[in-house]
Amino acid sequence: MKDSEDWLRNGAIEDRRRMEQKWCNERQRRLGQKWRHERQRGLEQKRCHERQRRLEQKWCHERQRRMEQKWSHERQRGLEQKWCHERQRGLEQKRSHERQRGLEQK
């Protein structure tokens, strides 16, 4: 009788040990999955932020380039208008002086 009790007790202890090992393994597996998932999510988030940062930088540079181009064109157009007006004014003054001189000579 003693042997059968020992055998049952040892079997129960062995079963319990196996179940605890199984639970431990299962917990480890789940934690591993969780960590892998967290790491993956973190990497994807990092890539997303990096991509977003690069796009914003690209848009910023593009906007800056366009504004500088616009200002350059505006400045150029303003200078050309100024030169044109000055030349026109100079020609009109010259004609006026020539006409005045022509009247004075007559």
N, C-alpha and C. Protein backbone atom coordinates (compact mmCIF):
# COMPACT_ATOMS: atom_id res chain seq x y z
N MET A 1 0.81 -1.17 0.00
CA MET A 1 0.00 0.00 0.00
C MET A 1 0.87 1.26 0.00
N LYS A 2 1.92 1.20 0.80
CA LYS A 2 2.84 2.32 0.89
C LYS A 2 3.46 2.60 -0.47
N ASP A 3 3.83 1.55 -1.21
CA ASP A 3 4.43 1.74 -2.53
C ASP A 3 3.47 2.41 -3.50
N SER A 4 2.22 2.01 -3.46
CA SER A 4 1.24 2.59 -4.38
C SER A 4 0.97 4.05 -4.02
N GLU A 5 0.99 4.39 -2.72
CA GLU A 5 0.81 5.78 -2.32
C GLU A 5 1.99 6.62 -2.79
N ASP A 6 3.18 6.08 -2.60
CA ASP A 6 4.38 6.79 -3.08
C ASP A 6 4.33 6.98 -4.59
N TRP A 7 3.89 5.92 -5.25
CA TRP A 7 3.83 5.96 -6.70
C TRP A 7 2.83 7.03 -7.15
N LEU A 8 1.65 7.10 -6.50
CA LEU A 8 0.64 8.10 -6.83
C LEU A 8 1.15 9.51 -6.52
N ARG A 9 1.79 9.62 -5.32
CA ARG A 9 2.32 10.92 -4.92
C ARG A 9 3.40 11.37 -5.90
N ASN A 10 4.29 10.47 -6.25
CA ASN A 10 5.36 10.81 -7.20
C ASN A 10 4.77 11.16 -8.56
N GLY A 11 3.76 10.42 -8.95
CA GLY A 11 3.09 10.73 -10.22
C GLY A 11 2.44 12.10 -10.19
N ALA A 12 1.79 12.42 -9.07
CA ALA A 12 1.14 13.72 -8.92
C ALA A 12 2.17 14.84 -8.92
N ILE A 13 3.28 14.59 -8.24
CA ILE A 13 4.36 15.58 -8.21
C ILE A 13 4.91 15.78 -9.62
N GLU A 14 5.10 14.68 -10.33
CA GLU A 14 5.62 14.74 -11.71
C GLU A 14 4.63 15.47 -12.61
N ASP A 15 3.33 15.16 -12.46
CA ASP A 15 2.31 15.84 -13.27
C ASP A 15 2.31 17.34 -12.98
N ARG A 16 2.40 17.65 -11.70
CA ARG A 16 2.41 19.06 -11.30
C ARG A 16 3.64 19.77 -11.86
N ARG A 17 4.79 19.11 -11.80
CA ARG A 17 6.02 19.69 -12.34
C ARG A 17 5.89 19.93 -13.84
N ARG A 18 5.31 18.96 -14.56
CA ARG A 18 5.12 19.10 -16.00
C ARG A 18 4.19 20.27 -16.32
N MET A 19 3.10 20.37 -15.53
CA MET A 19 2.14 21.46 -15.76
C MET A 19 2.79 22.82 -15.49
N GLU A 20 3.58 22.91 -14.42
CA GLU A 20 4.26 24.16 -14.11
C GLU A 20 5.26 24.51 -15.21
N GLN A 21 5.95 23.49 -15.71
CA GLN A 21 6.90 23.70 -16.81
C GLN A 21 6.16 24.18 -18.07
N LYS A 22 5.01 23.56 -18.32
CA LYS A 22 4.20 23.93 -19.47
C LYS A 22 3.75 25.39 -19.34
N TRP A 23 3.25 25.77 -18.16
CA TRP A 23 2.81 27.14 -17.94
C TRP A 23 3.97 28.13 -18.07
N CYS A 24 5.10 27.71 -17.53
CA CYS A 24 6.30 28.56 -17.61
C CYS A 24 6.69 28.78 -19.08
N ASN A 25 6.71 27.67 -19.83
CA ASN A 25 7.06 27.77 -21.26
C ASN A 25 6.06 28.64 -22.02
N GLU A 26 4.79 28.44 -21.69
CA GLU A 26 3.74 29.22 -22.35
C GLU A 26 3.89 30.71 -22.04
N ARG A 27 4.17 31.01 -20.78
CA ARG A 27 4.37 32.40 -20.36
C ARG A 27 5.58 33.01 -21.08
N GLN A 28 6.66 32.24 -21.15
CA GLN A 28 7.86 32.70 -21.85
C GLN A 28 7.55 32.97 -23.33
N ARG A 29 6.81 32.05 -23.95
CA ARG A 29 6.46 32.20 -25.36
C ARG A 29 5.64 33.47 -25.59
N ARG A 30 4.66 33.68 -24.71
CA ARG A 30 3.82 34.86 -24.85
C ARG A 30 4.61 36.15 -24.64
N LEU A 31 5.49 36.12 -23.64
CA LEU A 31 6.32 37.30 -23.41
C LEU A 31 7.22 37.56 -24.61
N GLY A 32 7.80 36.49 -25.14
CA GLY A 32 8.65 36.62 -26.33
C GLY A 32 7.87 37.22 -27.49
N GLN A 33 6.64 36.75 -27.68
CA GLN A 33 5.80 37.29 -28.75
C GLN A 33 5.50 38.77 -28.49
N LYS A 34 5.19 39.07 -27.23
CA LYS A 34 4.88 40.45 -26.87
C LYS A 34 6.08 41.35 -27.14
N TRP A 35 7.27 40.91 -26.71
CA TRP A 35 8.48 41.71 -26.92
C TRP A 35 8.77 41.90 -28.40
N ARG A 36 8.63 40.79 -29.16
CA ARG A 36 8.86 40.90 -30.60
C ARG A 36 7.87 41.88 -31.23
N HIS A 37 6.62 41.77 -30.80
CA HIS A 37 5.58 42.65 -31.33
C HIS A 37 5.88 44.10 -30.97
N GLU A 38 6.25 44.33 -29.71
CA GLU A 38 6.57 45.70 -29.26
C GLU A 38 7.76 46.25 -30.03
N ARG A 39 8.78 45.40 -30.19
CA ARG A 39 9.98 45.83 -30.92
C ARG A 39 9.61 46.17 -32.37
N GLN A 40 8.81 45.33 -33.00
CA GLN A 40 8.38 45.55 -34.38
C GLN A 40 7.59 46.84 -34.50
N ARG A 41 6.66 47.01 -33.54
CA ARG A 41 5.84 48.24 -33.55
C ARG A 41 6.73 49.47 -33.38
N GLY A 42 7.70 49.36 -32.48
CA GLY A 42 8.62 50.47 -32.26
C GLY A 42 9.42 50.79 -33.50
N LEU A 43 9.88 49.76 -34.20
CA LEU A 43 10.65 49.98 -35.43
C LEU A 43 9.79 50.61 -36.51
N GLU A 44 8.56 50.13 -36.65
CA GLU A 44 7.67 50.69 -37.66
C GLU A 44 7.35 52.14 -37.35
N GLN A 45 7.14 52.43 -36.06
CA GLN A 45 6.86 53.80 -35.64
C GLN A 45 8.07 54.69 -35.94
N LYS A 46 9.25 54.17 -35.65
CA LYS A 46 10.47 54.93 -35.90
C LYS A 46 10.61 55.22 -37.40
N ARG A 47 10.37 54.18 -38.23
CA ARG A 47 10.46 54.36 -39.69
C ARG A 47 9.44 55.39 -40.17
N CYS A 48 8.23 55.30 -39.61
CA CYS A 48 7.16 56.22 -40.00
C CYS A 48 7.55 57.66 -39.64
N HIS A 49 8.04 57.86 -38.43
CA HIS A 49 8.45 59.21 -38.00
C HIS A 49 9.59 59.72 -38.87
N GLU A 50 10.53 58.84 -39.19
CA GLU A 50 11.67 59.24 -40.02
C GLU A 50 11.20 59.65 -41.41
N ARG A 51 10.29 58.84 -41.97
CA ARG A 51 9.74 59.14 -43.30
C ARG A 51 8.99 60.48 -43.26
N GLN A 52 8.20 60.68 -42.21
CA GLN A 52 7.44 61.93 -42.05
C GLN A 52 8.39 63.12 -41.94
N ARG A 53 9.46 62.96 -41.17
CA ARG A 53 10.43 64.04 -40.99
C ARG A 53 11.09 64.40 -42.32
N ARG A 54 11.47 63.35 -43.09
CA ARG A 54 12.10 63.60 -44.39
C ARG A 54 11.16 64.31 -45.35
N LEU A 55 9.88 63.88 -45.34
CA LEU A 55 8.91 64.53 -46.24
C LEU A 55 8.71 66.00 -45.86
N GLU A 56 8.60 66.27 -44.56
CA GLU A 56 8.42 67.66 -44.13
C GLU A 56 9.64 68.50 -44.48
N GLN A 57 10.83 67.91 -44.34
CA GLN A 57 12.06 68.61 -44.70
C GLN A 57 12.07 68.89 -46.20
N LYS A 58 11.67 67.89 -46.99
CA LYS A 58 11.64 68.05 -48.45
C LYS A 58 10.66 69.16 -48.83
N TRP A 59 9.46 69.14 -48.23
CA TRP A 59 8.45 70.16 -48.53
C TRP A 59 8.94 71.54 -48.12
N CYS A 60 9.60 71.60 -46.98
CA CYS A 60 10.12 72.88 -46.48
C CYS A 60 11.16 73.42 -47.47
N HIS A 61 12.10 72.57 -47.89
CA HIS A 61 13.13 73.01 -48.84
C HIS A 61 12.51 73.43 -50.17
N GLU A 62 11.52 72.67 -50.61
CA GLU A 62 10.85 72.98 -51.87
C GLU A 62 10.14 74.33 -51.78
N ARG A 63 9.44 74.54 -50.68
CA ARG A 63 8.74 75.81 -50.46
C ARG A 63 9.74 76.97 -50.42
N GLN A 64 10.85 76.76 -49.72
CA GLN A 64 11.88 77.78 -49.60
C GLN A 64 12.46 78.11 -50.98
N ARG A 65 12.72 77.06 -51.78
CA ARG A 65 13.28 77.25 -53.12
C ARG A 65 12.32 78.04 -53.99
N ARG A 66 11.04 77.68 -53.92
CA ARG A 66 10.03 78.39 -54.73
C ARG A 66 9.92 79.86 -54.34
N MET A 67 9.95 80.12 -53.03
CA MET A 67 9.86 81.50 -52.56
C MET A 67 11.08 82.30 -53.04
N GLU A 68 12.25 81.71 -52.93
CA GLU A 68 13.46 82.41 -53.38
C GLU A 68 13.40 82.66 -54.88
N GLN A 69 12.89 81.68 -55.64
CA GLN A 69 12.75 81.84 -57.09
C GLN A 69 11.76 82.98 -57.38
N LYS A 70 10.65 82.97 -56.66
CA LYS A 70 9.63 84.00 -56.85
C LYS A 70 10.21 85.39 -56.55
N TRP A 71 10.93 85.50 -55.42
CA TRP A 71 11.53 86.78 -55.06
C TRP A 71 12.55 87.22 -56.10
N SER A 72 13.32 86.26 -56.59
CA SER A 72 14.32 86.57 -57.61
C SER A 72 13.64 87.11 -58.87
N HIS A 73 12.56 86.44 -59.29
CA HIS A 73 11.84 86.89 -60.48
C HIS A 73 11.22 88.26 -60.26
N GLU A 74 10.65 88.45 -59.06
CA GLU A 74 10.04 89.75 -58.74
C GLU A 74 11.09 90.86 -58.78
N ARG A 75 12.23 90.58 -58.17
CA ARG A 75 13.32 91.56 -58.12
C ARG A 75 13.80 91.88 -59.54
N GLN A 76 13.97 90.81 -60.33
CA GLN A 76 14.44 90.98 -61.71
C GLN A 76 13.44 91.81 -62.51
N ARG A 77 12.15 91.48 -62.36
CA ARG A 77 11.12 92.20 -63.10
C ARG A 77 11.09 93.67 -62.68
N GLY A 78 11.24 93.89 -61.37
CA GLY A 78 11.26 95.26 -60.86
C GLY A 78 12.43 96.05 -61.41
N LEU A 79 13.60 95.41 -61.46
CA LEU A 79 14.78 96.09 -62.00
C LEU A 79 14.61 96.41 -63.48
N GLU A 80 14.07 95.44 -64.24
CA GLU A 80 13.87 95.65 -65.67
C GLU A 80 12.87 96.78 -65.91
N GLN A 81 11.81 96.82 -65.10
CA GLN A 81 10.83 97.91 -65.24
C GLN A 81 11.49 99.25 -64.92
N LYS A 82 12.31 99.24 -63.86
CA LYS A 82 12.99 100.47 -63.45
C LYS A 82 13.90 100.97 -64.58
N TRP A 83 14.69 100.03 -65.14
CA TRP A 83 15.61 100.40 -66.23
C TRP A 83 14.83 100.90 -67.45
N CYS A 84 13.74 100.22 -67.74
CA CYS A 84 12.91 100.61 -68.88
C CYS A 84 12.37 102.03 -68.68
N HIS A 85 11.84 102.31 -67.47
CA HIS A 85 11.31 103.64 -67.18
C HIS A 85 12.41 104.69 -67.25
N GLU A 86 13.57 104.37 -66.71
CA GLU A 86 14.68 105.33 -66.74
C GLU A 86 15.11 105.62 -68.17
N ARG A 87 15.19 104.56 -68.99
CA ARG A 87 15.60 104.74 -70.38
C ARG A 87 14.56 105.58 -71.12
N GLN A 88 13.28 105.26 -70.86
CA GLN A 88 12.19 105.99 -71.49
C GLN A 88 12.25 107.46 -71.10
N ARG A 89 12.46 107.69 -69.79
CA ARG A 89 12.53 109.07 -69.30
C ARG A 89 13.72 109.80 -69.91
N GLY A 90 14.84 109.06 -69.99
CA GLY A 90 16.04 109.66 -70.59
C GLY A 90 15.81 110.02 -72.04
N LEU A 91 15.15 109.14 -72.79
CA LEU A 91 14.87 109.42 -74.20
C LEU A 91 13.93 110.61 -74.35
N GLU A 92 12.92 110.67 -73.48
CA GLU A 92 11.98 111.78 -73.55
C GLU A 92 12.67 113.10 -73.22
N GLN A 93 13.56 113.09 -72.23
CA GLN A 93 14.32 114.31 -71.88
C GLN A 93 15.20 114.72 -73.04
N LYS A 94 15.84 113.72 -73.67
CA LYS A 94 16.73 114.00 -74.79
C LYS A 94 15.94 114.63 -75.94
N ARG A 95 14.79 114.04 -76.27
CA ARG A 95 13.95 114.58 -77.34
C ARG A 95 13.48 115.99 -77.00
N SER A 96 13.09 116.17 -75.74
CA SER A 96 12.62 117.47 -75.31
C SER A 96 13.72 118.51 -75.45
N HIS A 97 14.94 118.15 -75.03
CA HIS A 97 16.08 119.08 -75.16
C HIS A 97 16.36 119.38 -76.62
N GLU A 98 16.32 118.34 -77.45
CA GLU A 98 16.59 118.52 -78.88
C GLU A 98 15.53 119.40 -79.51
N ARG A 99 14.26 119.16 -79.13
CA ARG A 99 13.16 119.97 -79.66
C ARG A 99 13.33 121.41 -79.19
N GLN A 100 13.70 121.59 -77.91
CA GLN A 100 13.89 122.93 -77.34
C GLN A 100 15.02 123.64 -78.07
N ARG A 101 16.12 122.89 -78.31
CA ARG A 101 17.25 123.48 -79.01
C ARG A 101 16.89 123.84 -80.45
N GLY A 102 16.11 122.96 -81.04
CA GLY A 102 15.69 123.22 -82.43
C GLY A 102 14.82 124.45 -82.51
N LEU A 103 13.97 124.67 -81.52
CA LEU A 103 13.12 125.86 -81.52
C LEU A 103 13.96 127.11 -81.28
N GLU A 104 14.94 126.99 -80.41
CA GLU A 104 15.80 128.13 -80.10
C GLU A 104 16.65 128.52 -81.29
N GLN A 105 17.07 127.53 -82.08
CA GLN A 105 17.92 127.83 -83.26
C GLN A 105 17.10 128.50 -84.38
N LYS A 106 15.82 128.19 -84.43
CA LYS A 106 14.99 128.78 -85.49
C LYS A 106 14.76 130.19 -85.18
